């Protein structure tokens, strides 16, 4: 399947709030599809999305960690706060630290 098809799948799954499909797409081999799916999970929400995104706070890539934190902030699940706080203690990437703080601020608003 070509990349464009995967991106269309991400768009459709995001529109339909299909967390399970987005989680599947977030594990594909193409980084841009993975990131788009992680961002989509922020819009789709749900317990499965939160559980998956929490695991991404420990991803090797700071871009993925930042995207996961941002998505968790969009979902606003108060349980995610403890996970973000825990990841923040070890985070060294400035942009990711900022994304984590922004997510915590959003979650506090819920």
PDB file of N, CA and C in Angstrom:
ATOM      1  N   UNK A   1       0.851  -1.182   0.000  1.00  0.00           N
ATOM      2  CA  UNK A   1       0.000   0.000   0.000  1.00  0.00           C
ATOM      3  C   UNK A   1       0.893   1.239   0.000  1.00  0.00           C
ATOM      4  N   UNK A   2       0.540   2.205  -0.800  1.00  0.00           N
ATOM      5  CA  UNK A   2       1.367   3.402  -0.887  1.00  0.00           C
ATOM      6  C   UNK A   2       1.043   4.368   0.247  1.00  0.00           C
ATOM      7  N   UNK A   3       1.980   5.274   0.467  1.00  0.00           N
ATOM      8  CA  UNK A   3       1.882   6.201   1.585  1.00  0.00           C
ATOM      9  C   UNK A   3       0.590   7.010   1.577  1.00  0.00           C
ATOM     10  N   UNK A   4       0.192   7.513   0.443  1.00  0.00           N
ATOM     11  CA  UNK A   4      -1.025   8.321   0.351  1.00  0.00           C
ATOM     12  C   UNK A   4      -2.248   7.574   0.847  1.00  0.00           C
ATOM     13  N   UNK A   5      -2.307   6.283   0.560  1.00  0.00           N
ATOM     14  CA  UNK A   5      -3.427   5.472   1.034  1.00  0.00           C
ATOM     15  C   UNK A   5      -3.441   5.403   2.558  1.00  0.00           C
ATOM     16  N   UNK A   6      -2.274   5.249   3.142  1.00  0.00           N
ATOM     17  CA  UNK A   6      -2.185   5.181   4.611  1.00  0.00           C
ATOM     18  C   UNK A   6      -2.602   6.518   5.233  1.00  0.00           C
ATOM     19  N   UNK A   7      -2.185   7.614   4.621  1.00  0.00           N
ATOM     20  CA  UNK A   7      -2.555   8.929   5.147  1.00  0.00           C
ATOM     21  C   UNK A   7      -4.064   9.152   5.026  1.00  0.00           C
ATOM     22  N   UNK A   8      -4.659   8.669   3.953  1.00  0.00           N
ATOM     23  CA  UNK A   8      -6.118   8.767   3.808  1.00  0.00           C
ATOM     24  C   UNK A   8      -6.809   7.927   4.883  1.00  0.00           C
ATOM     25  N   UNK A   9      -6.229   6.774   5.183  1.00  0.00           N
ATOM     26  CA  UNK A   9      -6.783   5.931   6.251  1.00  0.00           C
ATOM     27  C   UNK A   9      -6.711   6.663   7.590  1.00  0.00           C
ATOM     28  N   UNK A  10      -5.623   7.359   7.836  1.00  0.00           N
ATOM     29  CA  UNK A  10      -5.491   8.139   9.072  1.00  0.00           C
ATOM     30  C   UNK A  10      -6.570   9.209   9.119  1.00  0.00           C
ATOM     31  N   UNK A  11      -6.756   9.918   8.012  1.00  0.00           N
ATOM     32  CA  UNK A  11      -7.772  10.974   7.964  1.00  0.00           C
ATOM     33  C   UNK A  11      -9.169  10.417   8.234  1.00  0.00           C
ATOM     34  N   UNK A  12      -9.490   9.301   7.571  1.00  0.00           N
ATOM     35  CA  UNK A  12     -10.826   8.698   7.760  1.00  0.00           C
ATOM     36  C   UNK A  12     -11.013   8.207   9.198  1.00  0.00           C
ATOM     37  N   UNK A  13      -9.995   7.551   9.730  1.00  0.00           N
ATOM     38  CA  UNK A  13     -10.093   7.024  11.090  1.00  0.00           C
ATOM     39  C   UNK A  13     -10.208   8.156  12.103  1.00  0.00           C
ATOM     40  N   UNK A  14      -9.526   9.263  11.837  1.00  0.00           N
ATOM     41  CA  UNK A  14      -9.617  10.427  12.731  1.00  0.00           C
ATOM     42  C   UNK A  14     -11.023  11.019  12.673  1.00  0.00           C
ATOM     43  N   UNK A  15     -11.551  11.200  11.458  1.00  0.00           N
ATOM     44  CA  UNK A  15     -12.897  11.744  11.292  1.00  0.00           C
ATOM     45  C   UNK A  15     -13.937  10.886  12.001  1.00  0.00           C
ATOM     46  N   UNK A  16     -13.757   9.561  11.911  1.00  0.00           N
ATOM     47  CA  UNK A  16     -14.715   8.629  12.508  1.00  0.00           C
ATOM     48  C   UNK A  16     -14.379   8.267  13.958  1.00  0.00           C
ATOM     49  N   UNK A  17     -13.301   8.861  14.463  1.00  0.00           N
ATOM     50  CA  UNK A  17     -12.856   8.627  15.848  1.00  0.00           C
ATOM     51  C   UNK A  17     -12.627   7.140  16.133  1.00  0.00           C
ATOM     52  N   UNK A  18     -11.955   6.485  15.207  1.00  0.00           N
ATOM     53  CA  UNK A  18     -11.653   5.053  15.315  1.00  0.00           C
ATOM     54  C   UNK A  18     -10.264   4.877  15.927  1.00  0.00           C
ATOM     55  N   UNK A  19     -10.207   4.879  17.250  1.00  0.00           N
ATOM     56  CA  UNK A  19      -8.931   4.768  17.949  1.00  0.00           C
ATOM     57  C   UNK A  19      -8.184   3.493  17.598  1.00  0.00           C
ATOM     58  N   UNK A  20      -8.888   2.370  17.489  1.00  0.00           N
ATOM     59  CA  UNK A  20      -8.207   1.108  17.216  1.00  0.00           C
ATOM     60  C   UNK A  20      -7.494   1.142  15.866  1.00  0.00           C
ATOM     61  N   UNK A  21      -8.105   1.735  14.862  1.00  0.00           N
ATOM     62  CA  UNK A  21      -7.480   1.855  13.539  1.00  0.00           C
ATOM     63  C   UNK A  21      -6.288   2.807  13.600  1.00  0.00           C
ATOM     64  N   UNK A  22      -6.430   3.899  14.341  1.00  0.00           N
ATOM     65  CA  UNK A  22      -5.328   4.855  14.467  1.00  0.00           C
ATOM     66  C   UNK A  22      -4.138   4.232  15.196  1.00  0.00           C
ATOM     67  N   UNK A  23      -4.412   3.413  16.198  1.00  0.00           N
ATOM     68  CA  UNK A  23      -3.330   2.727  16.911  1.00  0.00           C
ATOM     69  C   UNK A  23      -2.603   1.785  15.958  1.00  0.00           C
ATOM     70  N   UNK A  24      -3.366   1.095  15.146  1.00  0.00           N
ATOM     71  CA  UNK A  24      -2.771   0.206  14.136  1.00  0.00           C
ATOM     72  C   UNK A  24      -1.886   1.003  13.176  1.00  0.00           C
ATOM     73  N   UNK A  25      -2.382   2.128  12.696  1.00  0.00           N
ATOM     74  CA  UNK A  25      -1.634   2.959  11.756  1.00  0.00           C
ATOM     75  C   UNK A  25      -0.421   3.609  12.424  1.00  0.00           C
ATOM     76  N   UNK A  26      -0.501   3.870  13.707  1.00  0.00           N
ATOM     77  CA  UNK A  26       0.617   4.475  14.440  1.00  0.00           C
ATOM     78  C   UNK A  26       1.790   3.515  14.572  1.00  0.00           C
ATOM     79  N   UNK A  27       1.570   2.276  14.194  1.00  0.00           N
ATOM     80  CA  UNK A  27       2.638   1.282  14.286  1.00  0.00           C
ATOM     81  C   UNK A  27       3.171   0.882  12.909  1.00  0.00           C
ATOM     82  N   UNK A  28       2.770   1.618  11.877  1.00  0.00           N
ATOM     83  CA  UNK A  28       3.273   1.332  10.534  1.00  0.00           C
ATOM     84  C   UNK A  28       4.735   1.790  10.453  1.00  0.00           C
ATOM     85  N   UNK A  29       5.401   1.480   9.375  1.00  0.00           N
ATOM     86  CA  UNK A  29       6.843   1.755   9.271  1.00  0.00           C
ATOM     87  C   UNK A  29       7.175   3.185   8.864  1.00  0.00           C
ATOM     88  N   UNK A  30       6.211   3.921   8.377  1.00  0.00           N
ATOM     89  CA  UNK A  30       6.452   5.288   7.897  1.00  0.00           C
ATOM     90  C   UNK A  30       6.226   6.295   9.025  1.00  0.00           C
ATOM     91  N   UNK A  31       7.266   7.053   9.343  1.00  0.00           N
ATOM     92  CA  UNK A  31       7.207   7.993  10.465  1.00  0.00           C
ATOM     93  C   UNK A  31       6.106   9.033  10.303  1.00  0.00           C
ATOM     94  N   UNK A  32       5.897   9.550   9.089  1.00  0.00           N
ATOM     95  CA  UNK A  32       4.871  10.584   8.932  1.00  0.00           C
ATOM     96  C   UNK A  32       3.472  10.020   9.134  1.00  0.00           C
ATOM     97  N   UNK A  33       3.255   8.762   8.775  1.00  0.00           N
ATOM     98  CA  UNK A  33       1.961   8.118   9.033  1.00  0.00           C
ATOM     99  C   UNK A  33       1.805   7.898  10.541  1.00  0.00           C
ATOM    100  N   UNK A  34       2.861   7.458  11.180  1.00  0.00           N
ATOM    101  CA  UNK A  34       2.820   7.240  12.623  1.00  0.00           C
ATOM    102  C   UNK A  34       2.461   8.539  13.351  1.00  0.00           C
ATOM    103  N   UNK A  35       3.141   9.615  12.994  1.00  0.00           N
ATOM    104  CA  UNK A  35       2.878  10.905  13.647  1.00  0.00           C
ATOM    105  C   UNK A  35       1.459  11.394  13.384  1.00  0.00           C
ATOM    106  N   UNK A  36       0.990  11.236  12.169  1.00  0.00           N
ATOM    107  CA  UNK A  36      -0.372  11.652  11.840  1.00  0.00           C
ATOM    108  C   UNK A  36      -1.381  10.840  12.652  1.00  0.00           C
ATOM    109  N   UNK A  37      -1.122   9.552  12.809  1.00  0.00           N
ATOM    110  CA  UNK A  37      -2.024   8.701  13.588  1.00  0.00           C
ATOM    111  C   UNK A  37      -2.000   9.090  15.062  1.00  0.00           C
ATOM    112  N   UNK A  38      -0.821   9.407  15.584  1.00  0.00           N
ATOM    113  CA  UNK A  38      -0.717   9.845  16.984  1.00  0.00           C
ATOM    114  C   UNK A  38      -1.506  11.135  17.173  1.00  0.00           C
ATOM    115  N   UNK A  39      -1.365  12.059  16.249  1.00  0.00           N
ATOM    116  CA  UNK A  39      -2.138  13.308  16.336  1.00  0.00           C
ATOM    117  C   UNK A  39      -3.639  13.030  16.238  1.00  0.00           C
ATOM    118  N   UNK A  40      -3.999  12.087  15.371  1.00  0.00           N
ATOM    119  CA  UNK A  40      -5.402  11.706  15.220  1.00  0.00           C
ATOM    120  C   UNK A  40      -5.980  11.120  16.496  1.00  0.00           C
ATOM    121  N   UNK A  41      -5.155  10.395  17.239  1.00  0.00           N
ATOM    122  CA  UNK A  41      -5.622   9.823  18.505  1.00  0.00           C
ATOM    123  C   UNK A  41      -6.025  10.913  19.496  1.00  0.00           C
ATOM    124  N   UNK A  42      -5.384  12.062  19.404  1.00  0.00           N
ATOM    125  CA  UNK A  42      -5.764  13.186  20.259  1.00  0.00           C
ATOM    126  C   UNK A  42      -7.176  13.666  19.976  1.00  0.00           C
ATOM    127  N   UNK A  43      -7.594  13.544  18.742  1.00  0.00           N
ATOM    128  CA  UNK A  43      -8.952  13.935  18.354  1.00  0.00           C
ATOM    129  C   UNK A  43      -9.954  12.810  18.618  1.00  0.00           C
ATOM    130  N   UNK A  44      -9.514  11.570  18.424  1.00  0.00           N
ATOM    131  CA  UNK A  44     -10.408  10.419  18.597  1.00  0.00           C
ATOM    132  C   UNK A  44     -10.693  10.157  20.076  1.00  0.00           C
ATOM    133  N   UNK A  45      -9.669  10.255  20.894  1.00  0.00           N
ATOM    134  CA  UNK A  45      -9.833  10.042  22.329  1.00  0.00           C
ATOM    135  C   UNK A  45     -10.165   8.619  22.706  1.00  0.00           C
ATOM    136  N   UNK A  46     -10.544   8.434  23.951  1.00  0.00           N
ATOM    137  CA  UNK A  46     -10.909   7.123  24.455  1.00  0.00           C
ATOM    138  C   UNK A  46      -9.794   6.478  25.262  1.00  0.00           C
ATOM    139  N   UNK A  47     -10.172   5.489  26.031  1.00  0.00           N
ATOM    140  CA  UNK A  47      -9.228   4.822  26.928  1.00  0.00           C
ATOM    141  C   UNK A  47      -8.096   4.137  26.173  1.00  0.00           C
ATOM    142  N   UNK A  48      -8.408   3.466  25.063  1.00  0.00           N
ATOM    143  CA  UNK A  48      -7.360   2.802  24.279  1.00  0.00           C
ATOM    144  C   UNK A  48      -6.361   3.815  23.736  1.00  0.00           C
ATOM    145  N   UNK A  49      -6.858   4.956  23.284  1.00  0.00           N
ATOM    146  CA  UNK A  49      -5.980   6.005  22.775  1.00  0.00           C
ATOM    147  C   UNK A  49      -5.050   6.498  23.871  1.00  0.00           C
ATOM    148  N   UNK A  50      -5.596   6.756  25.044  1.00  0.00           N
ATOM    149  CA  UNK A  50      -4.784   7.230  26.165  1.00  0.00           C
ATOM    150  C   UNK A  50      -3.717   6.196  26.516  1.00  0.00           C
ATOM    151  N   UNK A  51      -4.121   4.939  26.609  1.00  0.00           N
ATOM    152  CA  UNK A  51      -3.169   3.885  26.962  1.00  0.00           C
ATOM    153  C   UNK A  51      -2.031   3.790  25.944  1.00  0.00           C
ATOM    154  N   UNK A  52      -2.357   3.888  24.664  1.00  0.00           N
ATOM    155  CA  UNK A  52      -1.316   3.829  23.636  1.00  0.00           C
ATOM    156  C   UNK A  52      -0.421   5.062  23.702  1.00  0.00           C
ATOM    157  N   UNK A  53      -1.025   6.229  23.827  1.00  0.00           N
ATOM    158  CA  UNK A  53      -0.247   7.468  23.842  1.00  0.00           C
ATOM    159  C   UNK A  53       0.704   7.535  25.022  1.00  0.00           C
ATOM    160  N   UNK A  54       0.278   7.011  26.155  1.00  0.00           N
ATOM    161  CA  UNK A  54       1.147   6.980  27.336  1.00  0.00           C
ATOM    162  C   UNK A  54       2.429   6.196  27.023  1.00  0.00           C
ATOM    163  N   UNK A  55       2.305   5.104  26.265  1.00  0.00           N
ATOM    164  CA  UNK A  55       3.506   4.334  25.915  1.00  0.00           C
ATOM    165  C   UNK A  55       4.418   5.146  25.006  1.00  0.00           C
ATOM    166  N   UNK A  56       3.852   6.032  24.204  1.00  0.00           N
ATOM    167  CA  UNK A  56       4.647   6.834  23.282  1.00  0.00           C
ATOM    168  C   UNK A  56       5.421   7.953  23.968  1.00  0.00           C
ATOM    169  N   UNK A  57       5.101   8.226  25.228  1.00  0.00           N
ATOM    170  CA  UNK A  57       5.870   9.218  25.987  1.00  0.00           C
ATOM    171  C   UNK A  57       7.296   8.738  26.227  1.00  0.00           C
ATOM    172  N   UNK A  58       7.550   7.460  25.992  1.00  0.00           N
ATOM    173  CA  UNK A  58       8.886   6.877  26.167  1.00  0.00           C
ATOM    174  C   UNK A  58       9.523   6.509  24.814  1.00  0.00           C
ATOM    175  N   UNK A  59       8.912   6.969  23.727  1.00  0.00           N
ATOM    176  CA  UNK A  59       9.443   6.685  22.393  1.00  0.00           C
ATOM    177  C   UNK A  59      10.855   7.264  22.275  1.00  0.00           C
ATOM    178  N   UNK A  60      11.687   6.633  21.483  1.00  0.00           N
ATOM    179  CA  UNK A  60      13.061   7.098  21.305  1.00  0.00           C
ATOM    180  C   UNK A  60      13.131   8.469  20.621  1.00  0.00           C
ATOM    181  N   UNK A  61      12.118   8.787  19.820  1.00  0.00           N
ATOM    182  CA  UNK A  61      12.102  10.039  19.070  1.00  0.00           C
ATOM    183  C   UNK A  61      11.417  11.152  19.864  1.00  0.00           C
ATOM    184  N   UNK A  62      12.116  12.276  20.064  1.00  0.00           N
ATOM    185  CA  UNK A  62      11.480  13.396  20.777  1.00  0.00           C
ATOM    186  C   UNK A  62      10.244  13.920  20.058  1.00  0.00           C
ATOM    187  N   UNK A  63      10.241  13.850  18.735  1.00  0.00           N
ATOM    188  CA  UNK A  63       9.079  14.312  17.971  1.00  0.00           C
ATOM    189  C   UNK A  63       7.838  13.476  18.301  1.00  0.00           C
ATOM    190  N   UNK A  64       8.036  12.173  18.474  1.00  0.00           N
ATOM    191  CA  UNK A  64       6.930  11.283  18.826  1.00  0.00           C
ATOM    192  C   UNK A  64       6.476  11.542  20.265  1.00  0.00           C
ATOM    193  N   UNK A  65       7.428  11.760  21.161  1.00  0.00           N
ATOM    194  CA  UNK A  65       7.070  12.046  22.560  1.00  0.00           C
ATOM    195  C   UNK A  65       6.263  13.337  22.650  1.00  0.00           C
ATOM    196  N   UNK A  66       6.691  14.343  21.909  1.00  0.00           N
ATOM    197  CA  UNK A  66       5.976  15.625  21.907  1.00  0.00           C
ATOM    198  C   UNK A  66       4.574  15.462  21.323  1.00  0.00           C
ATOM    199  N   UNK A  67       4.467  14.722  20.228  1.00  0.00           N
ATOM    200  CA  UNK A  67       3.151  14.503  19.598  1.00  0.00           C
ATOM    201  C   UNK A  67       2.228  13.740  20.545  1.00  0.00           C
ATOM    202  N   UNK A  68       2.766  12.753  21.250  1.00  0.00           N
ATOM    203  CA  UNK A  68       1.959  11.982  22.204  1.00  0.00           C
ATOM    204  C   UNK A  68       1.480  12.869  23.349  1.00  0.00           C
ATOM    205  N   UNK A  69       2.368  13.708  23.862  1.00  0.00           N
ATOM    206  CA  UNK A  69       1.980  14.611  24.949  1.00  0.00           C
ATOM    207  C   UNK A  69       0.898  15.577  24.488  1.00  0.00           C
ATOM    208  N   UNK A  70       1.068  16.121  23.300  1.00  0.00           N
ATOM    209  CA  UNK A  70       0.078  17.046  22.751  1.00  0.00           C
ATOM    210  C   UNK A  70      -1.276  16.356  22.590  1.00  0.00           C
ATOM    211  N   UNK A  71      -1.255  15.136  22.068  1.00  0.00           N
ATOM    212  CA  UNK A  71      -2.503  14.378  21.886  1.00  0.00           C
ATOM    213  C   UNK A  71      -3.160  14.088  23.234  1.00  0.00           C
ATOM    214  N   UNK A  72      -2.355  13.740  24.226  1.00  0.00           N
ATOM    215  CA  UNK A  72      -2.918  13.491  25.564  1.00  0.00           C
ATOM    216  C   UNK A  72      -3.538  14.768  26.129  1.00  0.00           C
ATOM    217  N   UNK A  73      -2.910  15.900  25.864  1.00  0.00           N
ATOM    218  CA  UNK A  73      -3.478  17.178  26.297  1.00  0.00           C
ATOM    219  C   UNK A  73      -4.815  17.450  25.635  1.00  0.00           C
ATOM    220  N   UNK A  74      -4.934  17.102  24.368  1.00  0.00           N
ATOM    221  CA  UNK A  74      -6.200  17.293  23.651  1.00  0.00           C
ATOM    222  C   UNK A  74      -7.297  16.402  24.224  1.00  0.00           C
ATOM    223  N   UNK A  75      -6.927  15.184  24.579  1.00  0.00           N
ATOM    224  CA  UNK A  75      -7.921  14.259  25.136  1.00  0.00           C
ATOM    225  C   UNK A  75      -8.363  14.743  26.513  1.00  0.00           C
ATOM    226  N   UNK A  76      -7.403  15.206  27.301  1.00  0.00           N
ATOM    227  CA  UNK A  76      -7.740  15.782  28.595  1.00  0.00           C
ATOM    228  C   UNK A  76      -8.016  14.781  29.706  1.00  0.00           C
ATOM    229  N   UNK A  77      -7.641  13.542  29.525  1.00  0.00           N
ATOM    230  CA  UNK A  77      -7.864  12.525  30.558  1.00  0.00           C
ATOM    231  C   UNK A  77      -6.963  12.812  31.758  1.00  0.00           C
ATOM    232  N   UNK A  78      -7.544  13.016  32.940  1.00  0.00           N
ATOM    233  CA  UNK A  78      -6.740  13.359  34.115  1.00  0.00           C
ATOM    234  C   UNK A  78      -5.735  12.272  34.502  1.00  0.00           C
ATOM    235  N   UNK A  79      -5.983  11.022  34.119  1.00  0.00           N
ATOM    236  CA  UNK A  79      -5.043   9.948  34.437  1.00  0.00           C
ATOM    237  C   UNK A  79      -3.725  10.109  33.686  1.00  0.00           C
ATOM    238  N   UNK A  80      -3.754  10.812  32.570  1.00  0.00           N
ATOM    239  CA  UNK A  80      -2.545  11.008  31.775  1.00  0.00           C
ATOM    240  C   UNK A  80      -1.560  11.950  32.461  1.00  0.00           C
ATOM    241  N   UNK A  81      -2.052  12.785  33.361  1.00  0.00           N
ATOM    242  CA  UNK A  81      -1.180  13.758  34.022  1.00  0.00           C
ATOM    243  C   UNK A  81      -0.010  13.090  34.728  1.00  0.00           C
ATOM    244  N   UNK A  82      -0.277  12.026  35.453  1.00  0.00           N
ATOM    245  CA  UNK A  82       0.793  11.347  36.196  1.00  0.00           C
ATOM    246  C   UNK A  82       1.847  10.799  35.239  1.00  0.00           C
ATOM    247  N   UNK A  83       1.405  10.278  34.101  1.00  0.00           N
ATOM    248  CA  UNK A  83       2.346   9.731  33.120  1.00  0.00           C
ATOM    249  C   UNK A  83       3.192  10.835  32.489  1.00  0.00           C
ATOM    250  N   UNK A  84       2.567  11.954  32.193  1.00  0.00           N
ATOM    251  CA  UNK A  84       3.310  13.070  31.611  1.00  0.00           C
ATOM    252  C   UNK A  84       4.304  13.612  32.632  1.00  0.00           C
ATOM    253  N   UNK A  85       3.872  13.766  33.879  1.00  0.00           N
ATOM    254  CA  UNK A  85       4.783  14.225  34.937  1.00  0.00           C
ATOM    255  C   UNK A  85       5.983  13.286  35.059  1.00  0.00           C
ATOM    256  N   UNK A  86       5.724  11.984  35.015  1.00  0.00           N
ATOM    257  CA  UNK A  86       6.802  11.003  35.111  1.00  0.00           C
ATOM    258  C   UNK A  86       7.777  11.105  33.957  1.00  0.00           C
ATOM    259  N   UNK A  87       7.257  11.265  32.748  1.00  0.00           N
ATOM    260  CA  UNK A  87       8.118  11.381  31.571  1.00  0.00           C
ATOM    261  C   UNK A  87       8.891  12.696  31.586  1.00  0.00           C
ATOM    262  N   UNK A  88       8.267  13.726  32.119  1.00  0.00           N
ATOM    263  CA  UNK A  88       8.881  15.049  32.168  1.00  0.00           C
ATOM    264  C   UNK A  88      10.154  15.059  33.021  1.00  0.00           C
ATOM    265  N   UNK A  89      10.191  14.219  34.029  1.00  0.00           N
ATOM    266  CA  UNK A  89      11.366  14.152  34.911  1.00  0.00           C
ATOM    267  C   UNK A  89      12.633  13.758  34.153  1.00  0.00           C
ATOM    268  N   UNK A  90      12.475  13.008  33.061  1.00  0.00           N
ATOM    269  CA  UNK A  90      13.624  12.503  32.316  1.00  0.00           C
ATOM    270  C   UNK A  90      13.809  13.160  30.953  1.00  0.00           C
ATOM    271  N   UNK A  91      12.884  14.001  30.572  1.00  0.00           N
ATOM    272  CA  UNK A  91      12.914  14.605  29.235  1.00  0.00           C
ATOM    273  C   UNK A  91      13.989  15.682  29.145  1.00  0.00           C
ATOM    274  N   UNK A  92      14.778  15.608  28.081  1.00  0.00           N
ATOM    275  CA  UNK A  92      15.853  16.578  27.872  1.00  0.00           C
ATOM    276  C   UNK A  92      15.620  17.456  26.642  1.00  0.00           C
ATOM    277  N   UNK A  93      14.735  17.045  25.746  1.00  0.00           N
ATOM    278  CA  UNK A  93      14.459  17.803  24.537  1.00  0.00           C
ATOM    279  C   UNK A  93      13.559  19.001  24.872  1.00  0.00           C
ATOM    280  N   UNK A  94      14.027  20.188  24.541  1.00  0.00           N
ATOM    281  CA  UNK A  94      13.320  21.426  24.893  1.00  0.00           C
ATOM    282  C   UNK A  94      11.913  21.486  24.313  1.00  0.00           C
ATOM    283  N   UNK A  95      11.764  21.159  23.040  1.00  0.00           N
ATOM    284  CA  UNK A  95      10.444  21.214  22.401  1.00  0.00           C
ATOM    285  C   UNK A  95       9.484  20.209  23.032  1.00  0.00           C
ATOM    286  N   UNK A  96      10.006  19.055  23.404  1.00  0.00           N
ATOM    287  CA  UNK A  96       9.163  18.039  24.033  1.00  0.00           C
ATOM    288  C   UNK A  96       8.761  18.469  25.434  1.00  0.00           C
ATOM    289  N   UNK A  97       9.676  19.071  26.162  1.00  0.00           N
ATOM    290  CA  UNK A  97       9.355  19.602  27.497  1.00  0.00           C
ATOM    291  C   UNK A  97       8.235  20.641  27.377  1.00  0.00           C
ATOM    292  N   UNK A  98       8.338  21.513  26.397  1.00  0.00           N
ATOM    293  CA  UNK A  98       7.298  22.530  26.187  1.00  0.00           C
ATOM    294  C   UNK A  98       5.961  21.879  25.855  1.00  0.00           C
ATOM    295  N   UNK A  99       5.984  20.854  24.998  1.00  0.00           N
ATOM    296  CA  UNK A  99       4.747  20.153  24.634  1.00  0.00           C
ATOM    297  C   UNK A  99       4.129  19.483  25.856  1.00  0.00           C
ATOM    298  N   UNK A 100       4.968  18.927  26.708  1.00  0.00           N
ATOM    299  CA  UNK A 100       4.465  18.261  27.912  1.00  0.00           C
ATOM    300  C   UNK A 100       3.850  19.268  28.883  1.00  0.00           C
ATOM    301  N   UNK A 101       4.504  20.407  29.046  1.00  0.00           N
ATOM    302  CA  UNK A 101       3.938  21.449  29.922  1.00  0.00           C
ATOM    303  C   UNK A 101       2.612  21.976  29.366  1.00  0.00           C
ATOM    304  N   UNK A 102       2.552  22.167  28.066  1.00  0.00           N
ATOM    305  CA  UNK A 102       1.311  22.634  27.436  1.00  0.00           C
ATOM    306  C   UNK A 102       0.199  21.605  27.632  1.00  0.00           C
ATOM    307  N   UNK A 103       0.537  20.321  27.503  1.00  0.00           N
ATOM    308  CA  UNK A 103      -0.460  19.263  27.699  1.00  0.00           C
ATOM    309  C   UNK A 103      -0.966  19.266  29.136  1.00  0.00           C
ATOM    310  N   UNK A 104      -0.055  19.407  30.077  1.00  0.00           N
ATOM    311  CA  UNK A 104      -0.467  19.443  31.489  1.00  0.00           C
ATOM    312  C   UNK A 104      -1.387  20.631  31.759  1.00  0.00           C
ATOM    313  N   UNK A 105      -1.092  21.756  31.154  1.00  0.00           N
ATOM    314  CA  UNK A 105      -1.940  22.937  31.328  1.00  0.00           C
ATOM    315  C   UNK A 105      -3.334  22.700  30.768  1.00  0.00           C
ATOM    316  N   UNK A 106      -3.419  22.028  29.616  1.00  0.00           N
ATOM    317  CA  UNK A 106      -4.727  21.725  29.030  1.00  0.00           C
ATOM    318  C   UNK A 106      -5.511  20.748  29.891  1.00  0.00           C
ATOM    319  N   UNK A 107      -4.839  19.753  30.385  1.00  0.00           N
ATOM    320  CA  UNK A 107      -5.530  18.728  31.197  1.00  0.00           C
ATOM    321  C   UNK A 107      -6.040  19.367  32.483  1.00  0.00           C
ATOM    322  N   UNK A 108      -5.316  20.298  33.018  1.00  0.00           N
ATOM    323  CA  UNK A 108      -5.737  20.978  34.240  1.00  0.00           C
ATOM    324  C   UNK A 108      -7.042  21.740  34.037  1.00  0.00           C
ATOM    325  N   UNK A 109      -7.321  22.105  32.787  1.00  0.00           N
ATOM    326  CA  UNK A 109      -8.533  22.862  32.481  1.00  0.00           C
ATOM    327  C   UNK A 109      -9.785  21.989  32.482  1.00  0.00           C
ATOM    328  N   UNK A 110      -9.621  20.677  32.456  1.00  0.00           N
ATOM    329  CA  UNK A 110     -10.786  19.794  32.381  1.00  0.00           C
ATOM    330  C   UNK A 110     -11.361  19.526  33.745  1.00  0.00           C
TER     331      UNK A 110
END
